[in-house]
């Protein structure tokens, strides 16, 4: 997967930025639409984790790969994926590091509406078991991620950051959540947003 999108500087007009990149990529036959969407998703997830750390005043200097558990949350998605695939870092260890960081920073940042600690650890253990049995599903296998709270997740509260839906628990996953689950991603919880994403 190309790191090009991750390196783009996209602020509030990120759709315009991604649109320009997509048009350039298609004109240059660099990426198929599907590969572009995958690459853009990876870039969005990676930049979200970077912004999460910046908002808390943490440095963005990347550590040497796999030196310390606290540094695992500063790995790029590509680095984390390679470490998990090569079994140098377990999905459980990576998930625990991310959950610890959420627990430490969320009271200050209010970045998560719902944290699914128990199910995330269960998914991480399952991913670890599959990877040990050489059942690698791809780049997201065993990688902890978060979903915006406007996206339906079966059995997990989805509020759209509104008091109107504070107790809403969908019975089915949104298509993107189904795809992430089938790719072996570890769902850590639901992230905050403007009410109904109108902000």
N, C-alpha and C. Protein backbone atom coordinates (compact mmCIF):
# COMPACT_ATOMS: atom_id res chain seq x y z
N UNK A 1 0.83 -1.17 0.00
CA UNK A 1 0.00 0.00 0.00
C UNK A 1 0.87 1.24 0.00
N UNK A 2 0.58 2.17 -0.85
CA UNK A 2 1.36 3.39 -0.94
C UNK A 2 1.11 4.29 0.25
N UNK A 3 2.14 4.97 0.71
CA UNK A 3 2.00 5.92 1.80
C UNK A 3 1.73 7.33 1.31
N UNK A 4 1.40 7.50 0.03
CA UNK A 4 1.24 8.82 -0.55
C UNK A 4 0.14 9.61 0.14
N UNK A 5 -1.02 8.99 0.35
CA UNK A 5 -2.14 9.72 0.94
C UNK A 5 -1.81 10.13 2.36
N UNK A 6 -1.12 9.27 3.10
CA UNK A 6 -0.77 9.60 4.48
C UNK A 6 0.07 10.86 4.52
N UNK A 7 0.94 11.05 3.53
CA UNK A 7 1.82 12.20 3.50
C UNK A 7 1.16 13.49 3.04
N UNK A 8 -0.03 13.42 2.46
CA UNK A 8 -0.70 14.63 2.01
C UNK A 8 -1.14 15.47 3.19
N UNK A 9 -1.04 16.77 3.03
CA UNK A 9 -1.49 17.67 4.08
C UNK A 9 -2.92 18.07 3.78
N UNK A 10 -3.88 17.42 4.44
CA UNK A 10 -5.29 17.67 4.19
C UNK A 10 -5.93 18.22 5.45
N UNK A 11 -6.43 19.45 5.39
CA UNK A 11 -7.07 20.04 6.56
C UNK A 11 -8.58 19.88 6.44
N UNK A 12 -9.33 20.93 6.68
CA UNK A 12 -10.78 20.83 6.67
C UNK A 12 -11.32 20.52 5.28
N UNK A 13 -10.56 20.77 4.26
CA UNK A 13 -11.02 20.48 2.91
C UNK A 13 -10.42 19.16 2.42
N UNK A 14 -10.39 18.15 3.32
CA UNK A 14 -9.75 16.88 2.95
C UNK A 14 -10.45 16.18 1.80
N UNK A 15 -11.75 16.38 1.64
CA UNK A 15 -12.45 15.75 0.50
C UNK A 15 -11.91 16.29 -0.81
N UNK A 16 -11.69 17.61 -0.85
CA UNK A 16 -11.15 18.23 -2.06
C UNK A 16 -9.74 17.70 -2.32
N UNK A 17 -8.96 17.57 -1.27
CA UNK A 17 -7.59 17.07 -1.37
C UNK A 17 -7.59 15.63 -1.90
N UNK A 18 -8.43 14.79 -1.30
CA UNK A 18 -8.50 13.39 -1.73
C UNK A 18 -9.04 13.30 -3.15
N UNK A 19 -10.00 14.16 -3.47
CA UNK A 19 -10.56 14.18 -4.82
C UNK A 19 -9.48 14.51 -5.84
N UNK A 20 -8.65 15.53 -5.52
CA UNK A 20 -7.56 15.89 -6.43
C UNK A 20 -6.59 14.72 -6.59
N UNK A 21 -6.25 14.07 -5.46
CA UNK A 21 -5.33 12.95 -5.52
C UNK A 21 -5.94 11.82 -6.35
N UNK A 22 -7.22 11.54 -6.13
CA UNK A 22 -7.89 10.48 -6.88
C UNK A 22 -7.85 10.78 -8.37
N UNK A 23 -8.17 12.02 -8.75
CA UNK A 23 -8.16 12.38 -10.17
C UNK A 23 -6.76 12.22 -10.76
N UNK A 24 -5.73 12.66 -10.02
CA UNK A 24 -4.36 12.48 -10.49
C UNK A 24 -4.01 11.01 -10.62
N UNK A 25 -4.41 10.23 -9.62
CA UNK A 25 -4.09 8.79 -9.62
C UNK A 25 -4.76 8.08 -10.79
N UNK A 26 -6.03 8.41 -11.03
CA UNK A 26 -6.76 7.77 -12.13
C UNK A 26 -6.17 8.18 -13.47
N UNK A 27 -5.90 9.51 -13.62
CA UNK A 27 -5.33 9.98 -14.89
C UNK A 27 -3.99 9.32 -15.15
N UNK A 28 -3.23 9.11 -14.10
CA UNK A 28 -1.92 8.49 -14.26
C UNK A 28 -1.98 6.98 -14.17
N UNK A 29 -3.17 6.41 -14.08
CA UNK A 29 -3.35 4.96 -13.95
C UNK A 29 -2.56 4.39 -12.78
N UNK A 30 -2.42 5.18 -11.70
CA UNK A 30 -1.66 4.71 -10.55
C UNK A 30 -2.46 3.73 -9.70
N UNK A 31 -3.74 4.03 -9.50
CA UNK A 31 -4.54 3.23 -8.58
C UNK A 31 -5.91 2.95 -9.17
N UNK A 32 -6.42 1.77 -8.88
CA UNK A 32 -7.82 1.50 -9.20
C UNK A 32 -8.67 2.23 -8.17
N UNK A 33 -9.94 2.38 -8.41
CA UNK A 33 -10.83 3.04 -7.45
C UNK A 33 -10.82 2.31 -6.11
N UNK A 34 -10.88 0.99 -6.14
CA UNK A 34 -10.88 0.19 -4.91
C UNK A 34 -9.58 0.39 -4.13
N UNK A 35 -8.46 0.36 -4.83
CA UNK A 35 -7.18 0.54 -4.16
C UNK A 35 -7.06 1.96 -3.60
N UNK A 36 -7.59 2.95 -4.34
CA UNK A 36 -7.58 4.33 -3.85
C UNK A 36 -8.36 4.43 -2.54
N UNK A 37 -9.55 3.83 -2.50
CA UNK A 37 -10.38 3.91 -1.30
C UNK A 37 -9.66 3.25 -0.13
N UNK A 38 -9.04 2.10 -0.36
CA UNK A 38 -8.28 1.42 0.70
C UNK A 38 -7.14 2.31 1.20
N UNK A 39 -6.40 2.90 0.26
CA UNK A 39 -5.27 3.75 0.62
C UNK A 39 -5.75 4.98 1.38
N UNK A 40 -6.84 5.58 0.92
CA UNK A 40 -7.38 6.76 1.59
C UNK A 40 -7.85 6.42 2.99
N UNK A 41 -8.47 5.25 3.16
CA UNK A 41 -8.93 4.83 4.48
C UNK A 41 -7.74 4.65 5.43
N UNK A 42 -6.69 4.04 4.93
CA UNK A 42 -5.49 3.85 5.75
C UNK A 42 -4.93 5.21 6.15
N UNK A 43 -4.89 6.14 5.21
CA UNK A 43 -4.40 7.49 5.50
C UNK A 43 -5.25 8.20 6.53
N UNK A 44 -6.57 8.05 6.41
CA UNK A 44 -7.48 8.70 7.35
C UNK A 44 -7.31 8.14 8.75
N UNK A 45 -7.21 6.83 8.86
CA UNK A 45 -7.04 6.20 10.17
C UNK A 45 -5.72 6.63 10.79
N UNK A 46 -4.65 6.60 10.00
CA UNK A 46 -3.33 6.98 10.52
C UNK A 46 -3.30 8.44 10.95
N UNK A 47 -3.90 9.32 10.14
CA UNK A 47 -3.88 10.73 10.52
C UNK A 47 -4.77 10.99 11.73
N UNK A 48 -5.83 10.21 11.91
CA UNK A 48 -6.67 10.36 13.10
C UNK A 48 -5.89 10.04 14.36
N UNK A 49 -5.12 8.96 14.34
CA UNK A 49 -4.30 8.61 15.50
C UNK A 49 -3.25 9.69 15.74
N UNK A 50 -2.67 10.25 14.67
CA UNK A 50 -1.68 11.30 14.83
C UNK A 50 -2.31 12.53 15.48
N UNK A 51 -3.51 12.93 15.01
CA UNK A 51 -4.18 14.10 15.57
C UNK A 51 -4.58 13.84 17.02
N UNK A 52 -4.98 12.62 17.35
CA UNK A 52 -5.36 12.26 18.71
C UNK A 52 -4.19 12.53 19.66
N UNK A 53 -2.99 12.16 19.24
CA UNK A 53 -1.80 12.39 20.05
C UNK A 53 -1.42 13.86 20.10
N UNK A 54 -1.54 14.58 18.98
CA UNK A 54 -1.20 16.00 18.96
C UNK A 54 -2.11 16.79 19.89
N UNK A 55 -3.39 16.48 19.89
CA UNK A 55 -4.34 17.20 20.73
C UNK A 55 -4.01 17.03 22.20
N UNK A 56 -3.40 15.92 22.54
CA UNK A 56 -3.02 15.68 23.94
C UNK A 56 -1.63 16.22 24.24
N UNK A 57 -0.99 16.84 23.24
CA UNK A 57 0.32 17.43 23.44
C UNK A 57 1.46 16.44 23.35
N UNK A 58 1.23 15.28 22.74
CA UNK A 58 2.29 14.28 22.62
C UNK A 58 3.11 14.52 21.36
N UNK A 59 4.34 14.11 21.39
CA UNK A 59 5.23 14.24 20.26
C UNK A 59 4.84 13.25 19.16
N UNK A 60 5.09 13.64 17.91
CA UNK A 60 4.79 12.75 16.80
C UNK A 60 6.04 12.02 16.29
N UNK A 61 7.14 12.08 17.03
CA UNK A 61 8.35 11.39 16.63
C UNK A 61 8.10 9.89 16.74
N UNK A 62 8.29 9.20 15.63
CA UNK A 62 8.04 7.76 15.63
C UNK A 62 9.19 7.03 16.31
N UNK A 63 8.86 6.03 17.11
CA UNK A 63 9.89 5.28 17.82
C UNK A 63 10.52 4.25 16.90
N UNK A 64 11.62 3.68 17.37
CA UNK A 64 12.16 2.52 16.69
C UNK A 64 11.13 1.42 16.87
N UNK A 65 10.96 0.62 15.84
CA UNK A 65 9.90 -0.37 15.82
C UNK A 65 10.00 -1.33 16.99
N UNK A 66 8.90 -1.42 17.77
CA UNK A 66 8.72 -2.42 18.80
C UNK A 66 9.59 -2.31 20.03
N UNK A 67 10.10 -1.12 20.37
CA UNK A 67 10.96 -1.02 21.54
C UNK A 67 10.19 -1.05 22.85
N UNK A 68 9.06 -0.40 22.92
CA UNK A 68 8.36 -0.23 24.19
C UNK A 68 6.86 -0.22 23.93
N UNK A 69 6.09 -0.80 24.84
CA UNK A 69 4.64 -0.89 24.62
C UNK A 69 4.00 0.47 24.46
N UNK A 70 4.43 1.48 25.21
CA UNK A 70 3.86 2.81 25.09
C UNK A 70 4.10 3.42 23.72
N UNK A 71 5.13 2.94 23.04
CA UNK A 71 5.46 3.46 21.72
C UNK A 71 4.65 2.77 20.62
N UNK A 72 3.99 1.69 20.92
CA UNK A 72 3.22 0.97 19.91
C UNK A 72 2.12 1.84 19.31
N UNK A 73 1.58 2.76 20.10
CA UNK A 73 0.50 3.61 19.60
C UNK A 73 1.01 4.68 18.65
N UNK A 74 2.31 4.82 18.54
CA UNK A 74 2.88 5.82 17.64
C UNK A 74 3.35 5.23 16.31
N UNK A 75 3.16 3.93 16.14
CA UNK A 75 3.51 3.29 14.87
C UNK A 75 2.53 3.71 13.79
N UNK A 76 3.01 3.74 12.56
CA UNK A 76 2.09 3.95 11.45
C UNK A 76 1.28 2.67 11.27
N UNK A 77 0.22 2.77 10.54
CA UNK A 77 -0.61 1.60 10.29
C UNK A 77 0.20 0.52 9.56
N UNK A 78 1.01 0.94 8.60
CA UNK A 78 1.84 -0.01 7.85
C UNK A 78 2.85 -0.71 8.74
N UNK A 79 3.48 0.07 9.64
CA UNK A 79 4.46 -0.52 10.55
C UNK A 79 3.79 -1.51 11.50
N UNK A 80 2.65 -1.10 12.06
CA UNK A 80 1.93 -1.99 12.98
C UNK A 80 1.50 -3.27 12.27
N UNK A 81 0.99 -3.12 11.06
CA UNK A 81 0.54 -4.29 10.30
C UNK A 81 1.68 -5.25 10.04
N UNK A 82 2.83 -4.73 9.65
CA UNK A 82 3.99 -5.60 9.37
C UNK A 82 4.47 -6.29 10.64
N UNK A 83 4.48 -5.58 11.76
CA UNK A 83 4.90 -6.19 13.02
C UNK A 83 3.94 -7.30 13.46
N UNK A 84 2.65 -7.08 13.25
CA UNK A 84 1.66 -8.10 13.61
C UNK A 84 1.79 -9.29 12.67
N UNK A 85 1.92 -9.02 11.37
CA UNK A 85 2.04 -10.11 10.38
C UNK A 85 3.27 -10.96 10.65
N UNK A 86 4.38 -10.30 10.99
CA UNK A 86 5.63 -11.03 11.22
C UNK A 86 5.73 -11.59 12.65
N UNK A 87 4.68 -11.38 13.44
CA UNK A 87 4.57 -11.89 14.81
C UNK A 87 5.60 -11.28 15.76
N UNK A 88 6.08 -10.09 15.46
CA UNK A 88 6.99 -9.39 16.37
C UNK A 88 6.21 -8.65 17.45
N UNK A 89 4.95 -8.34 17.15
CA UNK A 89 4.04 -7.72 18.10
C UNK A 89 2.72 -8.46 17.98
N UNK A 90 2.09 -8.75 19.11
CA UNK A 90 0.81 -9.46 19.05
C UNK A 90 -0.33 -8.45 18.96
N UNK A 91 -1.43 -8.83 18.32
CA UNK A 91 -2.60 -7.96 18.28
C UNK A 91 -3.09 -7.60 19.68
N UNK A 92 -2.92 -8.52 20.63
CA UNK A 92 -3.35 -8.27 22.00
C UNK A 92 -2.50 -7.15 22.61
N UNK A 93 -1.20 -7.24 22.44
CA UNK A 93 -0.29 -6.23 22.97
C UNK A 93 -0.58 -4.86 22.35
N UNK A 94 -0.80 -4.84 21.05
CA UNK A 94 -1.10 -3.59 20.34
C UNK A 94 -2.43 -3.00 20.82
N UNK A 95 -3.43 -3.85 20.95
CA UNK A 95 -4.76 -3.40 21.41
C UNK A 95 -4.69 -2.89 22.84
N UNK A 96 -3.99 -3.61 23.71
CA UNK A 96 -3.85 -3.16 25.10
C UNK A 96 -3.16 -1.79 25.18
N UNK A 97 -2.15 -1.58 24.33
CA UNK A 97 -1.45 -0.29 24.32
C UNK A 97 -2.40 0.82 23.88
N UNK A 98 -3.20 0.57 22.86
CA UNK A 98 -4.16 1.58 22.39
C UNK A 98 -5.23 1.85 23.43
N UNK A 99 -5.75 0.79 24.05
CA UNK A 99 -6.79 0.96 25.08
C UNK A 99 -6.24 1.72 26.30
N UNK A 100 -5.00 1.46 26.66
CA UNK A 100 -4.38 2.20 27.77
C UNK A 100 -4.26 3.67 27.44
N UNK A 101 -3.89 3.97 26.21
CA UNK A 101 -3.77 5.36 25.78
C UNK A 101 -5.14 6.05 25.79
N UNK A 102 -6.16 5.34 25.34
CA UNK A 102 -7.51 5.90 25.35
C UNK A 102 -7.93 6.18 26.79
N UNK A 103 -7.68 5.22 27.67
CA UNK A 103 -8.06 5.39 29.08
C UNK A 103 -7.35 6.60 29.70
N UNK A 104 -6.10 6.80 29.32
CA UNK A 104 -5.32 7.90 29.87
C UNK A 104 -5.74 9.26 29.29
N UNK A 105 -6.01 9.32 27.98
CA UNK A 105 -6.25 10.60 27.33
C UNK A 105 -7.71 10.99 27.15
N UNK A 106 -8.60 10.00 27.12
CA UNK A 106 -10.00 10.32 26.82
C UNK A 106 -10.67 11.25 27.84
N UNK A 107 -10.37 11.16 29.13
CA UNK A 107 -10.99 12.12 30.05
C UNK A 107 -10.69 13.58 29.68
N UNK A 108 -9.52 13.81 29.12
CA UNK A 108 -9.11 15.16 28.74
C UNK A 108 -9.65 15.53 27.35
N UNK A 109 -9.64 14.59 26.42
CA UNK A 109 -9.98 14.87 25.03
C UNK A 109 -11.43 14.60 24.66
N UNK A 110 -12.07 13.69 25.37
CA UNK A 110 -13.44 13.27 25.03
C UNK A 110 -13.53 12.82 23.57
N UNK A 111 -12.54 12.07 23.14
CA UNK A 111 -12.48 11.61 21.75
C UNK A 111 -13.36 10.39 21.50
N UNK A 112 -13.62 9.60 22.55
CA UNK A 112 -14.43 8.40 22.40
C UNK A 112 -15.74 8.56 23.16
N UNK A 113 -16.83 8.17 22.51
CA UNK A 113 -18.14 8.12 23.17
C UNK A 113 -18.29 6.78 23.87
N UNK A 114 -17.89 5.72 23.19
CA UNK A 114 -17.98 4.36 23.73
C UNK A 114 -16.65 3.65 23.48
N UNK A 115 -16.11 3.01 24.51
CA UNK A 115 -14.91 2.19 24.37
C UNK A 115 -15.33 0.75 24.63
N UNK A 116 -15.01 -0.14 23.71
CA UNK A 116 -15.43 -1.54 23.80
C UNK A 116 -14.25 -2.42 24.21
N UNK A 117 -13.77 -2.20 25.41
CA UNK A 117 -12.57 -2.87 25.90
C UNK A 117 -12.66 -4.39 25.83
N UNK A 118 -13.73 -4.97 26.39
CA UNK A 118 -13.84 -6.43 26.45
C UNK A 118 -13.91 -7.07 25.07
N UNK A 119 -14.76 -6.53 24.20
CA UNK A 119 -14.88 -7.13 22.86
C UNK A 119 -13.61 -6.87 22.04
N UNK A 120 -12.95 -5.73 22.24
CA UNK A 120 -11.70 -5.46 21.52
C UNK A 120 -10.64 -6.47 21.90
N UNK A 121 -10.52 -6.75 23.18
CA UNK A 121 -9.52 -7.73 23.62
C UNK A 121 -9.87 -9.13 23.13
N UNK A 122 -11.16 -9.47 23.11
CA UNK A 122 -11.58 -10.77 22.58
C UNK A 122 -11.24 -10.88 21.09
N UNK A 123 -11.50 -9.82 20.33
CA UNK A 123 -11.18 -9.82 18.89
C UNK A 123 -9.66 -9.90 18.69
N UNK A 124 -8.90 -9.21 19.54
CA UNK A 124 -7.44 -9.25 19.43
C UNK A 124 -6.90 -10.66 19.71
N UNK A 125 -7.47 -11.32 20.73
CA UNK A 125 -7.06 -12.71 21.02
C UNK A 125 -7.40 -13.62 19.85
N UNK A 126 -8.57 -13.43 19.26
CA UNK A 126 -8.97 -14.24 18.11
C UNK A 126 -8.01 -14.00 16.93
N UNK A 127 -7.68 -12.74 16.66
CA UNK A 127 -6.76 -12.42 15.57
C UNK A 127 -5.39 -13.04 15.83
N UNK A 128 -4.93 -12.95 17.07
CA UNK A 128 -3.63 -13.53 17.42
C UNK A 128 -3.62 -15.04 17.17
N UNK A 129 -4.70 -15.70 17.56
CA UNK A 129 -4.81 -17.14 17.35
C UNK A 129 -4.80 -17.49 15.86
N UNK A 130 -5.54 -16.72 15.06
CA UNK A 130 -5.57 -16.97 13.61
C UNK A 130 -4.20 -16.75 12.98
N UNK A 131 -3.53 -15.68 13.37
CA UNK A 131 -2.22 -15.37 12.80
C UNK A 131 -1.21 -16.46 13.17
N UNK A 132 -1.28 -16.96 14.39
CA UNK A 132 -0.39 -18.05 14.81
C UNK A 132 -0.61 -19.31 13.98
N UNK A 133 -1.85 -19.49 13.51
CA UNK A 133 -2.18 -20.65 12.67
C UNK A 133 -2.01 -20.35 11.18
N UNK A 134 -1.27 -19.27 10.87
CA UNK A 134 -1.02 -18.86 9.48
C UNK A 134 -2.29 -18.56 8.70
N UNK A 135 -3.28 -17.97 9.35
CA UNK A 135 -4.52 -17.57 8.68
C UNK A 135 -4.57 -16.04 8.60
N UNK A 136 -3.57 -15.47 7.98
CA UNK A 136 -3.43 -14.02 7.82
C UNK A 136 -4.49 -13.51 6.85
N UNK A 137 -5.28 -12.53 7.28
CA UNK A 137 -6.36 -11.99 6.43
C UNK A 137 -5.97 -10.75 5.64
N UNK A 138 -4.87 -10.13 5.99
CA UNK A 138 -4.45 -8.93 5.26
C UNK A 138 -3.99 -7.83 6.20
N UNK A 139 -3.77 -6.66 5.64
CA UNK A 139 -3.12 -5.55 6.35
C UNK A 139 -3.85 -5.06 7.60
N UNK A 140 -5.14 -5.26 7.70
CA UNK A 140 -5.87 -4.80 8.88
C UNK A 140 -6.05 -5.88 9.94
N UNK A 141 -5.57 -7.08 9.66
CA UNK A 141 -5.76 -8.19 10.59
C UNK A 141 -5.03 -7.93 11.90
N UNK A 142 -5.80 -7.86 12.99
CA UNK A 142 -5.22 -7.64 14.31
C UNK A 142 -4.92 -6.19 14.63
N UNK A 143 -5.31 -5.28 13.76
CA UNK A 143 -5.01 -3.86 13.95
C UNK A 143 -6.19 -3.19 14.65
N UNK A 144 -5.94 -2.53 15.79
CA UNK A 144 -7.02 -1.84 16.49
C UNK A 144 -7.43 -0.56 15.75
N UNK A 145 -8.73 -0.39 15.59
CA UNK A 145 -9.26 0.81 14.94
C UNK A 145 -10.48 1.29 15.71
N UNK A 146 -10.90 2.50 15.40
CA UNK A 146 -12.11 3.07 16.00
C UNK A 146 -13.05 3.48 14.88
N UNK A 147 -14.33 3.51 15.19
CA UNK A 147 -15.36 3.85 14.22
C UNK A 147 -16.08 5.11 14.71
N UNK A 148 -16.38 6.03 13.81
CA UNK A 148 -17.17 7.20 14.19
C UNK A 148 -18.53 6.73 14.73
N UNK A 149 -19.02 7.43 15.71
CA UNK A 149 -20.26 7.02 16.38
C UNK A 149 -21.51 7.24 15.54
N UNK A 150 -21.36 7.62 14.30
CA UNK A 150 -22.51 7.74 13.41
C UNK A 150 -22.68 6.48 12.55
N UNK A 151 -21.70 5.60 12.61
CA UNK A 151 -21.71 4.36 11.82
C UNK A 151 -22.27 3.23 12.68
N UNK A 152 -23.28 2.53 12.17
CA UNK A 152 -23.93 1.45 12.93
C UNK A 152 -22.99 0.28 13.19
N UNK A 153 -23.01 -0.16 14.44
CA UNK A 153 -22.24 -1.33 14.87
C UNK A 153 -23.19 -2.22 15.68
N UNK A 154 -23.40 -3.42 15.20
CA UNK A 154 -24.35 -4.34 15.83
C UNK A 154 -23.96 -4.59 17.29
N UNK A 155 -24.91 -4.38 18.18
CA UNK A 155 -24.70 -4.66 19.59
C UNK A 155 -23.90 -3.62 20.34
N UNK A 156 -23.47 -2.57 19.65
CA UNK A 156 -22.68 -1.51 20.30
C UNK A 156 -23.44 -0.20 20.12
N UNK A 157 -23.60 0.52 21.19
CA UNK A 157 -24.33 1.78 21.18
C UNK A 157 -23.82 2.70 20.07
N UNK A 158 -24.76 3.26 19.31
CA UNK A 158 -24.45 4.20 18.24
C UNK A 158 -25.36 5.40 18.42
N UNK A 159 -24.78 6.53 18.87
CA UNK A 159 -25.60 7.67 19.28
C UNK A 159 -25.61 8.82 18.29
N UNK A 160 -24.70 8.85 17.34
CA UNK A 160 -24.52 10.00 16.45
C UNK A 160 -24.26 11.26 17.28
N UNK A 161 -23.72 11.09 18.48
CA UNK A 161 -23.41 12.17 19.43
C UNK A 161 -24.64 12.98 19.79
N UNK A 162 -25.78 12.33 19.82
CA UNK A 162 -27.03 13.03 20.14
C UNK A 162 -27.72 12.38 21.33
N UNK A 163 -28.26 13.22 22.19
CA UNK A 163 -29.02 12.72 23.34
C UNK A 163 -30.27 11.96 22.88
N UNK A 164 -30.76 12.27 21.69
CA UNK A 164 -31.94 11.57 21.15
C UNK A 164 -31.67 10.07 20.99
N UNK A 165 -30.42 9.71 20.69
CA UNK A 165 -30.07 8.31 20.45
C UNK A 165 -29.12 7.76 21.51
N UNK A 166 -29.14 8.32 22.72
CA UNK A 166 -28.17 7.92 23.73
C UNK A 166 -28.22 6.44 24.09
N UNK A 167 -29.37 5.80 23.86
CA UNK A 167 -29.51 4.38 24.19
C UNK A 167 -29.71 3.51 22.95
N UNK A 168 -29.44 4.03 21.77
CA UNK A 168 -29.68 3.30 20.52
C UNK A 168 -28.59 2.24 20.31
N UNK A 169 -29.03 0.99 20.16
CA UNK A 169 -28.11 -0.11 19.88
C UNK A 169 -28.57 -0.80 18.60
N UNK A 170 -27.85 -0.59 17.49
CA UNK A 170 -28.24 -1.21 16.22
C UNK A 170 -28.18 -2.74 16.28
N UNK A 171 -28.97 -3.37 15.46
CA UNK A 171 -28.98 -4.83 15.39
C UNK A 171 -28.11 -5.36 14.26
N UNK A 172 -27.67 -4.45 13.38
CA UNK A 172 -26.84 -4.86 12.24
C UNK A 172 -25.68 -3.89 12.06
N UNK A 173 -24.60 -4.40 11.51
CA UNK A 173 -23.44 -3.57 11.20
C UNK A 173 -23.65 -2.83 9.89
N UNK A 174 -23.11 -1.62 9.81
CA UNK A 174 -23.02 -0.92 8.53
C UNK A 174 -22.07 -1.74 7.64
N UNK A 175 -22.18 -1.57 6.34
CA UNK A 175 -21.38 -2.36 5.40
C UNK A 175 -19.88 -2.20 5.68
N UNK A 176 -19.45 -0.99 5.94
CA UNK A 176 -18.01 -0.77 6.19
C UNK A 176 -17.54 -1.50 7.44
N UNK A 177 -18.39 -1.59 8.46
CA UNK A 177 -18.03 -2.30 9.69
C UNK A 177 -17.94 -3.80 9.39
N UNK A 178 -18.87 -4.32 8.61
CA UNK A 178 -18.80 -5.74 8.22
C UNK A 178 -17.50 -6.03 7.48
N UNK A 179 -17.12 -5.13 6.58
CA UNK A 179 -15.88 -5.33 5.81
C UNK A 179 -14.66 -5.27 6.72
N UNK A 180 -14.65 -4.32 7.67
CA UNK A 180 -13.53 -4.21 8.60
C UNK A 180 -13.43 -5.47 9.47
N UNK A 181 -14.57 -5.96 9.94
CA UNK A 181 -14.56 -7.18 10.75
C UNK A 181 -14.06 -8.37 9.94
N UNK A 182 -14.50 -8.48 8.68
CA UNK A 182 -14.05 -9.63 7.88
C UNK A 182 -12.57 -9.51 7.52
N UNK A 183 -12.02 -8.29 7.57
CA UNK A 183 -10.59 -8.09 7.34
C UNK A 183 -9.79 -8.38 8.60
N UNK A 184 -10.48 -8.62 9.73
CA UNK A 184 -9.81 -8.96 10.97
C UNK A 184 -9.43 -7.77 11.84
N UNK A 185 -9.96 -6.59 11.52
CA UNK A 185 -9.66 -5.40 12.33
C UNK A 185 -10.25 -5.57 13.73
N UNK A 186 -9.61 -4.96 14.70
CA UNK A 186 -10.06 -5.00 16.10
C UNK A 186 -10.77 -3.67 16.38
N UNK A 187 -12.07 -3.73 16.66
CA UNK A 187 -12.86 -2.52 16.88
C UNK A 187 -12.79 -2.12 18.35
N UNK A 188 -12.14 -0.97 18.61
CA UNK A 188 -11.92 -0.52 19.99
C UNK A 188 -13.06 0.33 20.53
N UNK A 189 -13.88 0.90 19.67
CA UNK A 189 -14.96 1.73 20.17
C UNK A 189 -15.45 2.72 19.15
N UNK A 190 -16.24 3.68 19.66
CA UNK A 190 -16.90 4.67 18.81
C UNK A 190 -16.38 6.07 19.16
N UNK A 191 -15.92 6.79 18.15
CA UNK A 191 -15.34 8.11 18.38
C UNK A 191 -16.38 9.22 18.28
N UNK A 192 -16.09 10.31 18.98
CA UNK A 192 -16.97 11.46 19.08
C UNK A 192 -17.05 12.24 17.78
N UNK A 193 -18.04 13.07 17.66
CA UNK A 193 -18.26 13.89 16.48
C UNK A 193 -19.25 15.00 16.83
N UNK A 194 -19.46 15.94 15.92
CA UNK A 194 -20.54 16.91 16.09
C UNK A 194 -21.85 16.14 16.00
N UNK A 195 -22.87 16.60 16.71
CA UNK A 195 -24.16 15.93 16.70
C UNK A 195 -24.63 15.69 15.27
N UNK A 196 -24.96 14.44 14.97
CA UNK A 196 -25.40 13.99 13.65
C UNK A 196 -24.39 14.33 12.54
N UNK A 197 -23.14 14.55 12.90
CA UNK A 197 -22.06 14.90 11.97
C UNK A 197 -22.36 16.20 11.24
N UNK A 198 -23.09 17.09 11.86
CA UNK A 198 -23.42 18.39 11.26
C UNK A 198 -22.58 19.47 11.91
N UNK A 199 -21.35 19.57 11.52
CA UNK A 199 -20.50 20.56 12.17
C UNK A 199 -19.45 21.12 11.31
